Amino acid sequence: MTARAKAVDEMCVASPEVFALAAVARQYADHGRVDEARKLLDGLLVLEPDNSYLHTALGCVLLRLAEEAEALRHFDEALRLDPRDAAAHTYAGEIRIRRGELGAGLAHLEAAVALDPLGRNRYSNRARTLRLVAQPKAAAAPHPGA
């Protein structure tokens, strides 16, 4: 199996063509063309609405557009479809922590870390760092009933 075929298989992308177009959307976003990336990913999701990778990719683009609520909706959908998505867990955790939902945010970060005990996944490693920053905030937060 080629590296590209393996990547397509691991990312739950139904077709190599959709994977290739998602890669184009990522290049658009990486070069500041986030509106075009969003349009492309929106179109791909019409074709494959149950594609967790596309939901995560669109969530990342929406973060760049400062549309956190919509991004979180796509990360949540990606996780409903594939609970092993470390990137979706990491970004959902980060958004929830920013919103003050420390417990839910930390739970997502813990899930991302648990998916990669060897520390090889960049999103799980980002979750490790975010967890270190968020844990003192969670410890200092008032507890219900206290």
N, C-alpha and C. Protein backbone atom coordinates (compact mmCIF):
# COMPACT_ATOMS: atom_id res chain seq x y z
N MET A 1 0.85 -1.18 0.00
CA MET A 1 0.00 0.00 0.00
C MET A 1 0.89 1.24 0.00
N THR A 2 0.59 2.17 -0.88
CA THR A 2 1.38 3.40 -0.96
C THR A 2 1.08 4.28 0.26
N ALA A 3 1.97 5.22 0.51
CA ALA A 3 1.78 6.14 1.64
C ALA A 3 0.50 6.94 1.46
N ARG A 4 0.24 7.37 0.23
CA ARG A 4 -0.98 8.14 -0.02
C ARG A 4 -2.23 7.30 0.20
N ALA A 5 -2.22 6.06 -0.27
CA ALA A 5 -3.37 5.18 -0.08
C ALA A 5 -3.58 4.90 1.41
N LYS A 6 -2.50 4.75 2.14
CA LYS A 6 -2.61 4.53 3.58
C LYS A 6 -3.20 5.76 4.27
N ALA A 7 -2.76 6.94 3.86
CA ALA A 7 -3.30 8.18 4.44
C ALA A 7 -4.79 8.31 4.15
N VAL A 8 -5.20 7.99 2.93
CA VAL A 8 -6.62 8.05 2.57
C VAL A 8 -7.40 7.09 3.45
N ASP A 9 -6.88 5.89 3.63
CA ASP A 9 -7.56 4.89 4.44
C ASP A 9 -7.65 5.34 5.90
N GLU A 10 -6.58 5.86 6.46
CA GLU A 10 -6.56 6.27 7.86
C GLU A 10 -7.45 7.47 8.13
N MET A 11 -7.65 8.33 7.15
CA MET A 11 -8.42 9.55 7.36
C MET A 11 -9.90 9.37 7.06
N CYS A 12 -10.32 8.17 6.84
CA CYS A 12 -11.73 7.88 6.59
C CYS A 12 -12.27 8.65 5.40
N VAL A 13 -11.45 8.87 4.40
CA VAL A 13 -11.87 9.55 3.19
C VAL A 13 -12.31 8.48 2.20
N ALA A 14 -13.51 8.64 1.68
CA ALA A 14 -14.08 7.60 0.84
C ALA A 14 -13.38 7.46 -0.50
N SER A 15 -12.82 8.54 -1.03
CA SER A 15 -12.19 8.43 -2.34
C SER A 15 -10.90 9.23 -2.37
N PRO A 16 -9.94 8.77 -3.17
CA PRO A 16 -8.69 9.52 -3.31
C PRO A 16 -8.91 10.90 -3.92
N GLU A 17 -9.95 11.05 -4.75
CA GLU A 17 -10.23 12.35 -5.34
C GLU A 17 -10.64 13.36 -4.27
N VAL A 18 -11.45 12.92 -3.33
CA VAL A 18 -11.88 13.81 -2.25
C VAL A 18 -10.67 14.17 -1.38
N PHE A 19 -9.83 13.20 -1.12
CA PHE A 19 -8.61 13.46 -0.35
C PHE A 19 -7.75 14.49 -1.07
N ALA A 20 -7.61 14.35 -2.39
CA ALA A 20 -6.79 15.29 -3.16
C ALA A 20 -7.39 16.70 -3.11
N LEU A 21 -8.70 16.81 -3.22
CA LEU A 21 -9.34 18.12 -3.15
C LEU A 21 -9.26 18.71 -1.74
N ALA A 22 -9.32 17.86 -0.73
CA ALA A 22 -9.14 18.35 0.65
C ALA A 22 -7.71 18.88 0.83
N ALA A 23 -6.75 18.24 0.17
CA ALA A 23 -5.37 18.72 0.23
C ALA A 23 -5.24 20.08 -0.46
N VAL A 24 -5.98 20.29 -1.54
CA VAL A 24 -6.00 21.59 -2.21
C VAL A 24 -6.59 22.63 -1.26
N ALA A 25 -7.65 22.28 -0.57
CA ALA A 25 -8.26 23.21 0.39
C ALA A 25 -7.26 23.59 1.47
N ARG A 26 -6.50 22.62 1.92
CA ARG A 26 -5.48 22.91 2.94
C ARG A 26 -4.43 23.87 2.40
N GLN A 27 -4.01 23.65 1.15
CA GLN A 27 -3.05 24.57 0.54
C GLN A 27 -3.62 25.97 0.42
N TYR A 28 -4.89 26.07 0.04
CA TYR A 28 -5.54 27.38 0.00
C TYR A 28 -5.44 28.05 1.36
N ALA A 29 -5.82 27.32 2.40
CA ALA A 29 -5.81 27.88 3.75
C ALA A 29 -4.40 28.27 4.16
N ASP A 30 -3.44 27.41 3.87
CA ASP A 30 -2.05 27.70 4.24
C ASP A 30 -1.50 28.95 3.55
N HIS A 31 -2.09 29.30 2.43
CA HIS A 31 -1.64 30.48 1.68
C HIS A 31 -2.59 31.67 1.85
N GLY A 32 -3.40 31.62 2.91
CA GLY A 32 -4.26 32.74 3.24
C GLY A 32 -5.55 32.83 2.46
N ARG A 33 -5.83 31.85 1.66
CA ARG A 33 -7.06 31.85 0.85
C ARG A 33 -8.14 31.03 1.57
N VAL A 34 -8.44 31.46 2.80
CA VAL A 34 -9.33 30.68 3.66
C VAL A 34 -10.77 30.65 3.16
N ASP A 35 -11.23 31.72 2.54
CA ASP A 35 -12.60 31.71 2.01
C ASP A 35 -12.75 30.66 0.91
N GLU A 36 -11.73 30.54 0.06
CA GLU A 36 -11.78 29.52 -0.99
C GLU A 36 -11.69 28.13 -0.40
N ALA A 37 -10.85 27.98 0.64
CA ALA A 37 -10.74 26.68 1.31
C ALA A 37 -12.09 26.29 1.91
N ARG A 38 -12.75 27.26 2.53
CA ARG A 38 -14.06 26.98 3.13
C ARG A 38 -15.07 26.54 2.07
N LYS A 39 -15.12 27.24 0.95
CA LYS A 39 -16.06 26.89 -0.11
C LYS A 39 -15.80 25.48 -0.64
N LEU A 40 -14.53 25.16 -0.82
CA LEU A 40 -14.18 23.84 -1.33
C LEU A 40 -14.58 22.75 -0.32
N LEU A 41 -14.27 22.97 0.94
CA LEU A 41 -14.62 21.97 1.96
C LEU A 41 -16.13 21.86 2.15
N ASP A 42 -16.83 22.99 2.09
CA ASP A 42 -18.30 22.94 2.15
C ASP A 42 -18.84 22.06 1.03
N GLY A 43 -18.31 22.24 -0.17
CA GLY A 43 -18.74 21.43 -1.31
C GLY A 43 -18.42 19.96 -1.13
N LEU A 44 -17.25 19.67 -0.63
CA LEU A 44 -16.87 18.27 -0.41
C LEU A 44 -17.77 17.62 0.65
N LEU A 45 -18.18 18.39 1.64
CA LEU A 45 -19.06 17.84 2.67
C LEU A 45 -20.46 17.58 2.13
N VAL A 46 -20.86 18.26 1.08
CA VAL A 46 -22.13 17.94 0.43
C VAL A 46 -22.03 16.55 -0.17
N LEU A 47 -20.86 16.25 -0.74
CA LEU A 47 -20.65 14.93 -1.36
C LEU A 47 -20.46 13.83 -0.33
N GLU A 48 -19.76 14.16 0.78
CA GLU A 48 -19.45 13.16 1.81
C GLU A 48 -19.74 13.74 3.20
N PRO A 49 -21.02 13.85 3.55
CA PRO A 49 -21.37 14.47 4.84
C PRO A 49 -20.92 13.67 6.06
N ASP A 50 -20.64 12.40 5.89
CA ASP A 50 -20.20 11.56 7.01
C ASP A 50 -18.70 11.36 7.03
N ASN A 51 -17.97 12.29 6.47
CA ASN A 51 -16.52 12.19 6.39
C ASN A 51 -15.91 13.00 7.53
N SER A 52 -15.40 12.31 8.53
CA SER A 52 -14.86 12.99 9.72
C SER A 52 -13.67 13.88 9.38
N TYR A 53 -12.82 13.44 8.47
CA TYR A 53 -11.65 14.23 8.09
C TYR A 53 -12.06 15.59 7.53
N LEU A 54 -13.09 15.60 6.69
CA LEU A 54 -13.55 16.86 6.09
C LEU A 54 -14.13 17.79 7.15
N HIS A 55 -14.83 17.24 8.13
CA HIS A 55 -15.37 18.07 9.21
C HIS A 55 -14.23 18.69 10.02
N THR A 56 -13.19 17.91 10.30
CA THR A 56 -12.05 18.46 11.03
C THR A 56 -11.35 19.54 10.20
N ALA A 57 -11.16 19.27 8.93
CA ALA A 57 -10.50 20.26 8.06
C ALA A 57 -11.30 21.55 7.99
N LEU A 58 -12.61 21.44 7.85
CA LEU A 58 -13.44 22.65 7.81
C LEU A 58 -13.41 23.37 9.15
N GLY A 59 -13.40 22.62 10.24
CA GLY A 59 -13.29 23.24 11.56
C GLY A 59 -12.02 24.06 11.67
N CYS A 60 -10.92 23.56 11.15
CA CYS A 60 -9.65 24.30 11.19
C CYS A 60 -9.73 25.58 10.37
N VAL A 61 -10.36 25.51 9.21
CA VAL A 61 -10.52 26.70 8.38
C VAL A 61 -11.41 27.71 9.09
N LEU A 62 -12.47 27.25 9.71
CA LEU A 62 -13.38 28.15 10.42
C LEU A 62 -12.69 28.83 11.60
N LEU A 63 -11.75 28.13 12.23
CA LEU A 63 -10.97 28.77 13.29
C LEU A 63 -10.18 29.94 12.73
N ARG A 64 -9.62 29.77 11.56
CA ARG A 64 -8.86 30.87 10.93
C ARG A 64 -9.75 32.05 10.58
N LEU A 65 -11.04 31.77 10.38
CA LEU A 65 -12.01 32.82 10.09
C LEU A 65 -12.65 33.36 11.36
N ALA A 66 -12.16 32.92 12.53
CA ALA A 66 -12.67 33.35 13.84
C ALA A 66 -14.14 32.99 14.03
N GLU A 67 -14.56 31.88 13.47
CA GLU A 67 -15.93 31.39 13.63
C GLU A 67 -15.90 30.17 14.55
N GLU A 68 -15.61 30.42 15.83
CA GLU A 68 -15.39 29.33 16.79
C GLU A 68 -16.61 28.45 16.98
N ALA A 69 -17.79 29.02 17.08
CA ALA A 69 -18.99 28.21 17.33
C ALA A 69 -19.21 27.22 16.20
N GLU A 70 -19.08 27.69 14.97
CA GLU A 70 -19.26 26.81 13.81
C GLU A 70 -18.12 25.79 13.73
N ALA A 71 -16.91 26.22 14.04
CA ALA A 71 -15.77 25.29 14.06
C ALA A 71 -16.02 24.17 15.06
N LEU A 72 -16.47 24.55 16.26
CA LEU A 72 -16.73 23.54 17.30
C LEU A 72 -17.81 22.55 16.85
N ARG A 73 -18.81 23.06 16.16
CA ARG A 73 -19.85 22.15 15.65
C ARG A 73 -19.24 21.10 14.70
N HIS A 74 -18.31 21.51 13.86
CA HIS A 74 -17.68 20.56 12.94
C HIS A 74 -16.73 19.61 13.67
N PHE A 75 -16.00 20.11 14.67
CA PHE A 75 -15.14 19.21 15.44
C PHE A 75 -15.99 18.18 16.18
N ASP A 76 -17.10 18.62 16.75
CA ASP A 76 -18.00 17.67 17.44
C ASP A 76 -18.54 16.63 16.48
N GLU A 77 -18.90 17.06 15.27
CA GLU A 77 -19.40 16.10 14.28
C GLU A 77 -18.29 15.14 13.86
N ALA A 78 -17.08 15.64 13.68
CA ALA A 78 -15.96 14.76 13.34
C ALA A 78 -15.77 13.70 14.43
N LEU A 79 -15.89 14.11 15.68
CA LEU A 79 -15.71 13.16 16.79
C LEU A 79 -16.87 12.19 16.91
N ARG A 80 -18.06 12.62 16.54
CA ARG A 80 -19.19 11.69 16.52
C ARG A 80 -18.92 10.59 15.50
N LEU A 81 -18.35 10.99 14.36
CA LEU A 81 -18.07 10.04 13.28
C LEU A 81 -16.83 9.20 13.56
N ASP A 82 -15.83 9.80 14.20
CA ASP A 82 -14.57 9.10 14.48
C ASP A 82 -13.99 9.62 15.79
N PRO A 83 -14.29 8.95 16.90
CA PRO A 83 -13.79 9.42 18.19
C PRO A 83 -12.28 9.31 18.36
N ARG A 84 -11.58 8.78 17.35
CA ARG A 84 -10.12 8.65 17.42
C ARG A 84 -9.40 9.81 16.74
N ASP A 85 -10.10 10.88 16.44
CA ASP A 85 -9.51 12.01 15.74
C ASP A 85 -8.83 12.94 16.75
N ALA A 86 -7.52 12.81 16.87
CA ALA A 86 -6.76 13.60 17.85
C ALA A 86 -6.82 15.09 17.55
N ALA A 87 -6.82 15.46 16.28
CA ALA A 87 -6.89 16.89 15.93
C ALA A 87 -8.21 17.48 16.37
N ALA A 88 -9.31 16.78 16.10
CA ALA A 88 -10.63 17.29 16.50
C ALA A 88 -10.74 17.39 18.01
N HIS A 89 -10.21 16.41 18.73
CA HIS A 89 -10.22 16.49 20.20
C HIS A 89 -9.41 17.69 20.68
N THR A 90 -8.26 17.89 20.09
CA THR A 90 -7.39 18.99 20.53
C THR A 90 -8.04 20.34 20.29
N TYR A 91 -8.56 20.55 19.09
CA TYR A 91 -9.18 21.85 18.80
C TYR A 91 -10.48 22.04 19.58
N ALA A 92 -11.28 20.99 19.72
CA ALA A 92 -12.50 21.12 20.52
C ALA A 92 -12.15 21.45 21.97
N GLY A 93 -11.11 20.82 22.48
CA GLY A 93 -10.67 21.12 23.84
C GLY A 93 -10.21 22.55 23.99
N GLU A 94 -9.44 23.02 23.03
CA GLU A 94 -8.93 24.38 23.08
C GLU A 94 -10.08 25.40 23.05
N ILE A 95 -11.04 25.18 22.17
CA ILE A 95 -12.19 26.10 22.08
C ILE A 95 -12.98 26.09 23.38
N ARG A 96 -13.23 24.90 23.91
CA ARG A 96 -14.03 24.81 25.13
C ARG A 96 -13.32 25.48 26.32
N ILE A 97 -12.02 25.35 26.38
CA ILE A 97 -11.28 26.01 27.46
C ILE A 97 -11.38 27.52 27.31
N ARG A 98 -11.25 28.02 26.09
CA ARG A 98 -11.39 29.46 25.86
C ARG A 98 -12.77 29.96 26.26
N ARG A 99 -13.78 29.10 26.10
CA ARG A 99 -15.15 29.47 26.45
C ARG A 99 -15.43 29.33 27.95
N GLY A 100 -14.44 28.85 28.69
CA GLY A 100 -14.62 28.67 30.12
C GLY A 100 -15.15 27.30 30.50
N GLU A 101 -15.29 26.41 29.55
CA GLU A 101 -15.76 25.04 29.80
C GLU A 101 -14.55 24.16 30.09
N LEU A 102 -13.91 24.41 31.24
CA LEU A 102 -12.63 23.78 31.54
C LEU A 102 -12.72 22.26 31.62
N GLY A 103 -13.73 21.74 32.29
CA GLY A 103 -13.85 20.29 32.42
C GLY A 103 -13.99 19.60 31.08
N ALA A 104 -14.89 20.11 30.25
CA ALA A 104 -15.09 19.52 28.92
C ALA A 104 -13.85 19.69 28.06
N GLY A 105 -13.22 20.85 28.17
CA GLY A 105 -12.01 21.08 27.39
C GLY A 105 -10.89 20.13 27.78
N LEU A 106 -10.68 19.99 29.08
CA LEU A 106 -9.63 19.08 29.54
C LEU A 106 -9.94 17.63 29.16
N ALA A 107 -11.21 17.26 29.16
CA ALA A 107 -11.58 15.89 28.76
C ALA A 107 -11.18 15.64 27.31
N HIS A 108 -11.40 16.62 26.45
CA HIS A 108 -10.97 16.47 25.05
C HIS A 108 -9.45 16.36 24.94
N LEU A 109 -8.74 17.20 25.68
CA LEU A 109 -7.28 17.14 25.63
C LEU A 109 -6.77 15.80 26.14
N GLU A 110 -7.37 15.30 27.22
CA GLU A 110 -6.99 13.98 27.75
C GLU A 110 -7.23 12.89 26.71
N ALA A 111 -8.35 12.99 25.99
CA ALA A 111 -8.65 12.00 24.96
C ALA A 111 -7.61 12.04 23.85
N ALA A 112 -7.21 13.24 23.44
CA ALA A 112 -6.19 13.36 22.39
C ALA A 112 -4.87 12.76 22.85
N VAL A 113 -4.49 13.01 24.09
CA VAL A 113 -3.24 12.47 24.64
C VAL A 113 -3.31 10.95 24.71
N ALA A 114 -4.45 10.43 25.15
CA ALA A 114 -4.62 8.97 25.29
C ALA A 114 -4.52 8.26 23.94
N LEU A 115 -4.86 8.94 22.87
CA LEU A 115 -4.78 8.33 21.55
C LEU A 115 -3.35 8.13 21.07
N ASP A 116 -2.41 8.80 21.71
CA ASP A 116 -1.01 8.76 21.27
C ASP A 116 -0.07 8.68 22.48
N PRO A 117 -0.03 7.53 23.13
CA PRO A 117 0.80 7.43 24.34
C PRO A 117 2.29 7.59 24.08
N LEU A 118 2.74 7.41 22.85
CA LEU A 118 4.16 7.53 22.54
C LEU A 118 4.57 8.94 22.14
N GLY A 119 3.62 9.84 22.01
CA GLY A 119 3.95 11.23 21.69
C GLY A 119 4.42 11.46 20.28
N ARG A 120 3.85 10.75 19.32
CA ARG A 120 4.28 10.89 17.93
C ARG A 120 3.35 11.77 17.10
N ASN A 121 2.15 12.01 17.58
CA ASN A 121 1.16 12.78 16.83
C ASN A 121 1.23 14.24 17.24
N ARG A 122 1.35 15.13 16.27
CA ARG A 122 1.53 16.55 16.59
C ARG A 122 0.32 17.14 17.29
N TYR A 123 -0.87 16.64 16.99
CA TYR A 123 -2.06 17.16 17.67
C TYR A 123 -2.13 16.67 19.11
N SER A 124 -1.76 15.43 19.33
CA SER A 124 -1.71 14.93 20.71
C SER A 124 -0.65 15.67 21.51
N ASN A 125 0.46 15.98 20.88
CA ASN A 125 1.50 16.75 21.58
C ASN A 125 1.04 18.17 21.87
N ARG A 126 0.29 18.76 20.96
CA ARG A 126 -0.29 20.08 21.23
C ARG A 126 -1.26 19.98 22.41
N ALA A 127 -2.04 18.91 22.44
CA ALA A 127 -2.97 18.70 23.56
C ALA A 127 -2.21 18.57 24.88
N ARG A 128 -1.07 17.91 24.85
CA ARG A 128 -0.26 17.80 26.08
C ARG A 128 0.13 19.19 26.60
N THR A 129 0.56 20.04 25.68
CA THR A 129 0.97 21.40 26.07
C THR A 129 -0.23 22.21 26.57
N LEU A 130 -1.33 22.16 25.85
CA LEU A 130 -2.52 22.90 26.26
C LEU A 130 -3.03 22.42 27.62
N ARG A 131 -2.92 21.13 27.86
CA ARG A 131 -3.35 20.56 29.14
C ARG A 131 -2.53 21.13 30.28
N LEU A 132 -1.24 21.30 30.08
CA LEU A 132 -0.38 21.87 31.12
C LEU A 132 -0.78 23.31 31.45
N VAL A 133 -1.20 24.04 30.43
CA VAL A 133 -1.62 25.43 30.64
C VAL A 133 -2.99 25.48 31.31
N ALA A 134 -3.89 24.59 30.92
CA ALA A 134 -5.28 24.64 31.40
C ALA A 134 -5.46 24.04 32.79
N GLN A 135 -4.65 23.09 33.18
CA GLN A 135 -4.86 22.42 34.47
C GLN A 135 -4.81 23.39 35.65
N PRO A 136 -3.88 24.33 35.70
CA PRO A 136 -3.91 25.27 36.83
C PRO A 136 -5.18 26.13 36.85
N LYS A 137 -5.70 26.49 35.66
CA LYS A 137 -6.94 27.25 35.60
C LYS A 137 -8.09 26.42 36.17
N ALA A 138 -8.12 25.14 35.82
CA ALA A 138 -9.19 24.27 36.30
C ALA A 138 -9.11 24.10 37.81
N ALA A 139 -7.90 24.00 38.34
CA ALA A 139 -7.72 23.83 39.79
C ALA A 139 -8.15 25.09 40.54
N ALA A 140 -7.96 26.25 39.93
CA ALA A 140 -8.30 27.51 40.57
C ALA A 140 -9.78 27.88 40.42
N ALA A 141 -10.47 27.23 39.48
CA ALA A 141 -11.88 27.57 39.24
C ALA A 141 -12.73 27.17 40.43
N PRO A 142 -13.73 27.98 40.75
CA PRO A 142 -14.64 27.62 41.86
C PRO A 142 -15.41 26.35 41.52
N HIS A 143 -15.55 25.49 42.50
CA HIS A 143 -16.27 24.24 42.31
C HIS A 143 -17.72 24.41 42.75
N PRO A 144 -18.66 23.82 42.02
CA PRO A 144 -20.06 23.94 42.41
C PRO A 144 -20.28 23.39 43.83
N GLY A 145 -21.04 24.10 44.60
CA GLY A 145 -21.34 23.65 45.94
C GLY A 145 -20.29 24.02 46.97
N ALA A 146 -19.22 24.67 46.52
CA ALA A 146 -18.15 25.01 47.46
C ALA A 146 -18.40 26.34 48.12
